[in-house]
Amino acid sequence: MFDVDPAKMRKLAADVRVHSDAVAGKAPVAKTARDQARDNLTGSATGVRIQETLEALDRVVEFHVGRLRELAGGIEVQATAFEQQDEAFASGLRQVGQR
């Protein structure tokens, strides 16, 4: 038996969204420094690699933010589905009890 609490599920979804927003705030990673590195190291492969690496980190951050937001949305959907199923079951019991 599972102890499902839709209110706690929604709170969890809200908390996950807060954390995903905090992670999203970290991108772009070192934007000013990476642009300066490429500009200051003109003709240097190192400057190019620094910028490319930090841009790749931005994509990683965006990926994980997307996953967190998908998780939060999925939790919300499941909480709603549980409530609807629970209500349908309760309604069926009420109908049976009225006979």
N, C-alpha and C. Protein backbone atom coordinates (compact mmCIF):
# COMPACT_ATOMS: atom_id res chain seq x y z
N MET A 1 0.85 -1.18 0.00
CA MET A 1 0.00 0.00 0.00
C MET A 1 0.89 1.24 0.00
N PHE A 2 0.52 2.18 -0.79
CA PHE A 2 1.24 3.45 -0.88
C PHE A 2 0.48 4.53 -0.14
N ASP A 3 1.22 5.39 0.49
CA ASP A 3 0.61 6.55 1.15
C ASP A 3 0.82 7.74 0.22
N VAL A 4 -0.15 7.99 -0.63
CA VAL A 4 -0.04 9.06 -1.63
C VAL A 4 -0.73 10.30 -1.09
N ASP A 5 0.00 11.39 -1.08
CA ASP A 5 -0.52 12.67 -0.61
C ASP A 5 -0.33 13.70 -1.73
N PRO A 6 -1.39 13.99 -2.49
CA PRO A 6 -1.26 14.94 -3.61
C PRO A 6 -0.74 16.32 -3.18
N ALA A 7 -1.10 16.77 -1.98
CA ALA A 7 -0.61 18.08 -1.52
C ALA A 7 0.91 18.06 -1.36
N LYS A 8 1.43 16.96 -0.80
CA LYS A 8 2.88 16.84 -0.65
C LYS A 8 3.56 16.70 -2.02
N MET A 9 2.89 16.02 -2.92
CA MET A 9 3.43 15.88 -4.28
C MET A 9 3.54 17.24 -4.94
N ARG A 10 2.50 18.05 -4.80
CA ARG A 10 2.53 19.39 -5.40
C ARG A 10 3.60 20.27 -4.75
N LYS A 11 3.79 20.11 -3.44
CA LYS A 11 4.85 20.85 -2.75
C LYS A 11 6.21 20.42 -3.28
N LEU A 12 6.39 19.12 -3.49
CA LEU A 12 7.63 18.62 -4.05
C LEU A 12 7.86 19.20 -5.45
N ALA A 13 6.81 19.22 -6.27
CA ALA A 13 6.92 19.78 -7.62
C ALA A 13 7.32 21.26 -7.56
N ALA A 14 6.73 21.99 -6.63
CA ALA A 14 7.06 23.41 -6.49
C ALA A 14 8.52 23.58 -6.05
N ASP A 15 8.96 22.73 -5.12
CA ASP A 15 10.36 22.80 -4.66
C ASP A 15 11.33 22.47 -5.80
N VAL A 16 10.99 21.47 -6.59
CA VAL A 16 11.85 21.10 -7.72
C VAL A 16 11.92 22.26 -8.71
N ARG A 17 10.80 22.94 -8.94
CA ARG A 17 10.80 24.09 -9.84
C ARG A 17 11.69 25.22 -9.31
N VAL A 18 11.63 25.46 -8.01
CA VAL A 18 12.48 26.50 -7.40
C VAL A 18 13.95 26.15 -7.64
N HIS A 19 14.28 24.89 -7.43
CA HIS A 19 15.67 24.48 -7.62
C HIS A 19 16.08 24.55 -9.09
N SER A 20 15.16 24.20 -9.98
CA SER A 20 15.50 24.28 -11.41
C SER A 20 15.73 25.72 -11.82
N ASP A 21 14.94 26.63 -11.26
CA ASP A 21 15.15 28.06 -11.55
C ASP A 21 16.50 28.54 -11.03
N ALA A 22 16.89 28.02 -9.85
CA ALA A 22 18.20 28.40 -9.29
C ALA A 22 19.33 27.90 -10.18
N VAL A 23 19.20 26.68 -10.67
CA VAL A 23 20.22 26.13 -11.56
C VAL A 23 20.24 26.90 -12.87
N ALA A 24 19.06 27.23 -13.38
CA ALA A 24 18.97 27.98 -14.64
C ALA A 24 19.66 29.33 -14.52
N GLY A 25 19.65 29.90 -13.32
CA GLY A 25 20.30 31.19 -13.10
C GLY A 25 21.81 31.14 -13.21
N LYS A 26 22.36 29.95 -13.23
CA LYS A 26 23.82 29.80 -13.34
C LYS A 26 24.31 29.91 -14.78
N ALA A 27 23.41 29.84 -15.72
CA ALA A 27 23.79 29.94 -17.14
C ALA A 27 23.48 31.35 -17.62
N PRO A 28 24.26 31.90 -18.49
CA PRO A 28 25.44 31.32 -19.09
C PRO A 28 26.62 31.31 -18.11
N VAL A 29 27.40 30.25 -18.19
CA VAL A 29 28.54 30.05 -17.29
C VAL A 29 29.67 31.00 -17.69
N ALA A 30 30.06 31.85 -16.76
CA ALA A 30 31.21 32.75 -16.94
C ALA A 30 31.18 33.48 -18.28
N LYS A 31 30.04 34.03 -18.65
CA LYS A 31 29.86 34.66 -19.96
C LYS A 31 30.90 35.75 -20.23
N THR A 32 31.08 36.65 -19.29
CA THR A 32 32.02 37.75 -19.49
C THR A 32 33.45 37.23 -19.63
N ALA A 33 33.84 36.32 -18.76
CA ALA A 33 35.20 35.79 -18.78
C ALA A 33 35.46 35.01 -20.05
N ARG A 34 34.49 34.25 -20.51
CA ARG A 34 34.74 33.44 -21.72
C ARG A 34 34.86 34.32 -22.96
N ASP A 35 34.05 35.38 -23.02
CA ASP A 35 34.16 36.29 -24.17
C ASP A 35 35.50 37.02 -24.14
N GLN A 36 35.92 37.43 -22.95
CA GLN A 36 37.20 38.12 -22.82
C GLN A 36 38.36 37.18 -23.15
N ALA A 37 38.24 35.92 -22.76
CA ALA A 37 39.32 34.96 -23.03
C ALA A 37 39.56 34.84 -24.53
N ARG A 38 38.50 34.74 -25.28
CA ARG A 38 38.67 34.60 -26.73
C ARG A 38 39.21 35.89 -27.34
N ASP A 39 38.68 37.02 -26.86
CA ASP A 39 39.14 38.31 -27.39
C ASP A 39 40.60 38.59 -27.02
N ASN A 40 40.96 38.28 -25.77
CA ASN A 40 42.32 38.57 -25.29
C ASN A 40 43.35 37.59 -25.81
N LEU A 41 42.91 36.43 -26.21
CA LEU A 41 43.83 35.42 -26.70
C LEU A 41 43.64 35.22 -28.20
N THR A 42 43.62 36.32 -28.93
CA THR A 42 43.41 36.29 -30.37
C THR A 42 44.43 35.36 -31.03
N GLY A 43 43.92 34.47 -31.85
CA GLY A 43 44.78 33.54 -32.55
C GLY A 43 45.21 32.35 -31.70
N SER A 44 44.69 32.26 -30.49
CA SER A 44 45.08 31.19 -29.59
C SER A 44 44.00 30.10 -29.57
N ALA A 45 44.44 28.88 -29.75
CA ALA A 45 43.50 27.76 -29.67
C ALA A 45 42.96 27.61 -28.25
N THR A 46 43.74 28.01 -27.27
CA THR A 46 43.30 27.90 -25.87
C THR A 46 42.09 28.80 -25.62
N GLY A 47 42.14 30.03 -26.11
CA GLY A 47 41.01 30.93 -25.94
C GLY A 47 39.75 30.38 -26.58
N VAL A 48 39.90 29.80 -27.75
CA VAL A 48 38.76 29.21 -28.45
C VAL A 48 38.22 28.03 -27.64
N ARG A 49 39.12 27.19 -27.13
CA ARG A 49 38.69 26.01 -26.36
C ARG A 49 38.01 26.41 -25.06
N ILE A 50 38.51 27.46 -24.42
CA ILE A 50 37.86 27.94 -23.19
C ILE A 50 36.43 28.33 -23.49
N GLN A 51 36.24 29.11 -24.54
CA GLN A 51 34.90 29.55 -24.89
C GLN A 51 34.02 28.37 -25.26
N GLU A 52 34.51 27.45 -26.06
CA GLU A 52 33.72 26.29 -26.47
C GLU A 52 33.36 25.41 -25.28
N THR A 53 34.28 25.25 -24.36
CA THR A 53 34.02 24.42 -23.17
C THR A 53 32.93 25.04 -22.31
N LEU A 54 33.01 26.34 -22.10
CA LEU A 54 32.00 27.01 -21.29
C LEU A 54 30.64 27.03 -21.98
N GLU A 55 30.63 27.14 -23.29
CA GLU A 55 29.37 27.06 -24.03
C GLU A 55 28.76 25.66 -23.90
N ALA A 56 29.62 24.64 -23.91
CA ALA A 56 29.13 23.27 -23.72
C ALA A 56 28.54 23.11 -22.31
N LEU A 57 29.17 23.73 -21.33
CA LEU A 57 28.62 23.68 -19.97
C LEU A 57 27.24 24.34 -19.91
N ASP A 58 27.05 25.40 -20.68
CA ASP A 58 25.72 26.03 -20.74
C ASP A 58 24.68 25.02 -21.23
N ARG A 59 25.03 24.25 -22.24
CA ARG A 59 24.09 23.25 -22.76
C ARG A 59 23.80 22.17 -21.73
N VAL A 60 24.81 21.80 -20.95
CA VAL A 60 24.62 20.81 -19.90
C VAL A 60 23.66 21.36 -18.83
N VAL A 61 23.88 22.60 -18.44
CA VAL A 61 23.00 23.23 -17.45
C VAL A 61 21.58 23.28 -17.99
N GLU A 62 21.41 23.70 -19.23
CA GLU A 62 20.07 23.77 -19.83
C GLU A 62 19.41 22.40 -19.88
N PHE A 63 20.18 21.36 -20.19
CA PHE A 63 19.64 20.00 -20.23
C PHE A 63 19.09 19.60 -18.87
N HIS A 64 19.89 19.82 -17.82
CA HIS A 64 19.47 19.42 -16.49
C HIS A 64 18.31 20.26 -15.97
N VAL A 65 18.28 21.51 -16.31
CA VAL A 65 17.14 22.35 -15.94
C VAL A 65 15.87 21.81 -16.61
N GLY A 66 15.98 21.44 -17.87
CA GLY A 66 14.84 20.85 -18.57
C GLY A 66 14.37 19.57 -17.91
N ARG A 67 15.30 18.73 -17.50
CA ARG A 67 14.94 17.47 -16.83
C ARG A 67 14.23 17.74 -15.51
N LEU A 68 14.73 18.71 -14.74
CA LEU A 68 14.08 19.05 -13.47
C LEU A 68 12.67 19.57 -13.70
N ARG A 69 12.52 20.41 -14.70
CA ARG A 69 11.18 20.96 -14.99
C ARG A 69 10.24 19.87 -15.48
N GLU A 70 10.74 18.92 -16.27
CA GLU A 70 9.92 17.79 -16.69
C GLU A 70 9.49 16.96 -15.49
N LEU A 71 10.40 16.74 -14.56
CA LEU A 71 10.09 15.99 -13.36
C LEU A 71 8.98 16.68 -12.57
N ALA A 72 9.10 17.98 -12.38
CA ALA A 72 8.08 18.74 -11.65
C ALA A 72 6.73 18.64 -12.34
N GLY A 73 6.73 18.76 -13.65
CA GLY A 73 5.48 18.63 -14.40
C GLY A 73 4.88 17.24 -14.27
N GLY A 74 5.73 16.23 -14.32
CA GLY A 74 5.25 14.85 -14.18
C GLY A 74 4.65 14.59 -12.81
N ILE A 75 5.26 15.15 -11.78
CA ILE A 75 4.73 15.00 -10.43
C ILE A 75 3.35 15.64 -10.34
N GLU A 76 3.20 16.83 -10.91
CA GLU A 76 1.89 17.51 -10.92
C GLU A 76 0.83 16.67 -11.63
N VAL A 77 1.19 16.13 -12.79
CA VAL A 77 0.25 15.31 -13.56
C VAL A 77 -0.18 14.10 -12.75
N GLN A 78 0.77 13.44 -12.09
CA GLN A 78 0.44 12.25 -11.31
C GLN A 78 -0.41 12.59 -10.09
N ALA A 79 -0.17 13.72 -9.47
CA ALA A 79 -1.00 14.14 -8.33
C ALA A 79 -2.44 14.36 -8.78
N THR A 80 -2.60 15.02 -9.92
CA THR A 80 -3.95 15.25 -10.46
C THR A 80 -4.61 13.94 -10.85
N ALA A 81 -3.87 13.05 -11.49
CA ALA A 81 -4.42 11.76 -11.89
C ALA A 81 -4.86 10.96 -10.67
N PHE A 82 -4.05 10.99 -9.62
CA PHE A 82 -4.42 10.26 -8.40
C PHE A 82 -5.70 10.83 -7.81
N GLU A 83 -5.79 12.14 -7.74
CA GLU A 83 -7.00 12.77 -7.18
C GLU A 83 -8.24 12.40 -8.00
N GLN A 84 -8.11 12.42 -9.31
CA GLN A 84 -9.25 12.08 -10.16
C GLN A 84 -9.65 10.62 -9.97
N GLN A 85 -8.67 9.73 -9.91
CA GLN A 85 -8.97 8.32 -9.72
C GLN A 85 -9.58 8.08 -8.34
N ASP A 86 -9.05 8.74 -7.35
CA ASP A 86 -9.57 8.60 -5.99
C ASP A 86 -11.01 9.10 -5.92
N GLU A 87 -11.28 10.22 -6.58
CA GLU A 87 -12.64 10.77 -6.58
C GLU A 87 -13.60 9.83 -7.30
N ALA A 88 -13.17 9.26 -8.41
CA ALA A 88 -14.02 8.32 -9.15
C ALA A 88 -14.32 7.09 -8.29
N PHE A 89 -13.32 6.60 -7.58
CA PHE A 89 -13.51 5.44 -6.70
C PHE A 89 -14.48 5.79 -5.57
N ALA A 90 -14.29 6.97 -4.96
CA ALA A 90 -15.17 7.41 -3.87
C ALA A 90 -16.60 7.59 -4.38
N SER A 91 -16.74 8.14 -5.56
CA SER A 91 -18.07 8.33 -6.15
C SER A 91 -18.75 6.99 -6.36
N GLY A 92 -18.00 6.00 -6.84
CA GLY A 92 -18.55 4.66 -7.02
C GLY A 92 -18.99 4.05 -5.72
N LEU A 93 -18.21 4.26 -4.67
CA LEU A 93 -18.60 3.74 -3.35
C LEU A 93 -19.85 4.43 -2.83
N ARG A 94 -19.96 5.72 -3.07
CA ARG A 94 -21.16 6.45 -2.62
C ARG A 94 -22.40 5.92 -3.34
N GLN A 95 -22.27 5.65 -4.62
CA GLN A 95 -23.40 5.12 -5.39
C GLN A 95 -23.81 3.74 -4.89
N VAL A 96 -22.85 2.92 -4.59
CA VAL A 96 -23.13 1.57 -4.08
C VAL A 96 -23.79 1.67 -2.71
N GLY A 97 -23.33 2.60 -1.90
CA GLY A 97 -23.88 2.78 -0.55
C GLY A 97 -25.30 3.28 -0.56
N GLN A 98 -25.74 3.93 -1.64
CA GLN A 98 -27.08 4.49 -1.70
C GLN A 98 -28.11 3.46 -2.13
N ARG A 99 -27.67 2.31 -2.54
CA ARG A 99 -28.62 1.28 -3.01
C ARG A 99 -29.31 0.59 -1.90
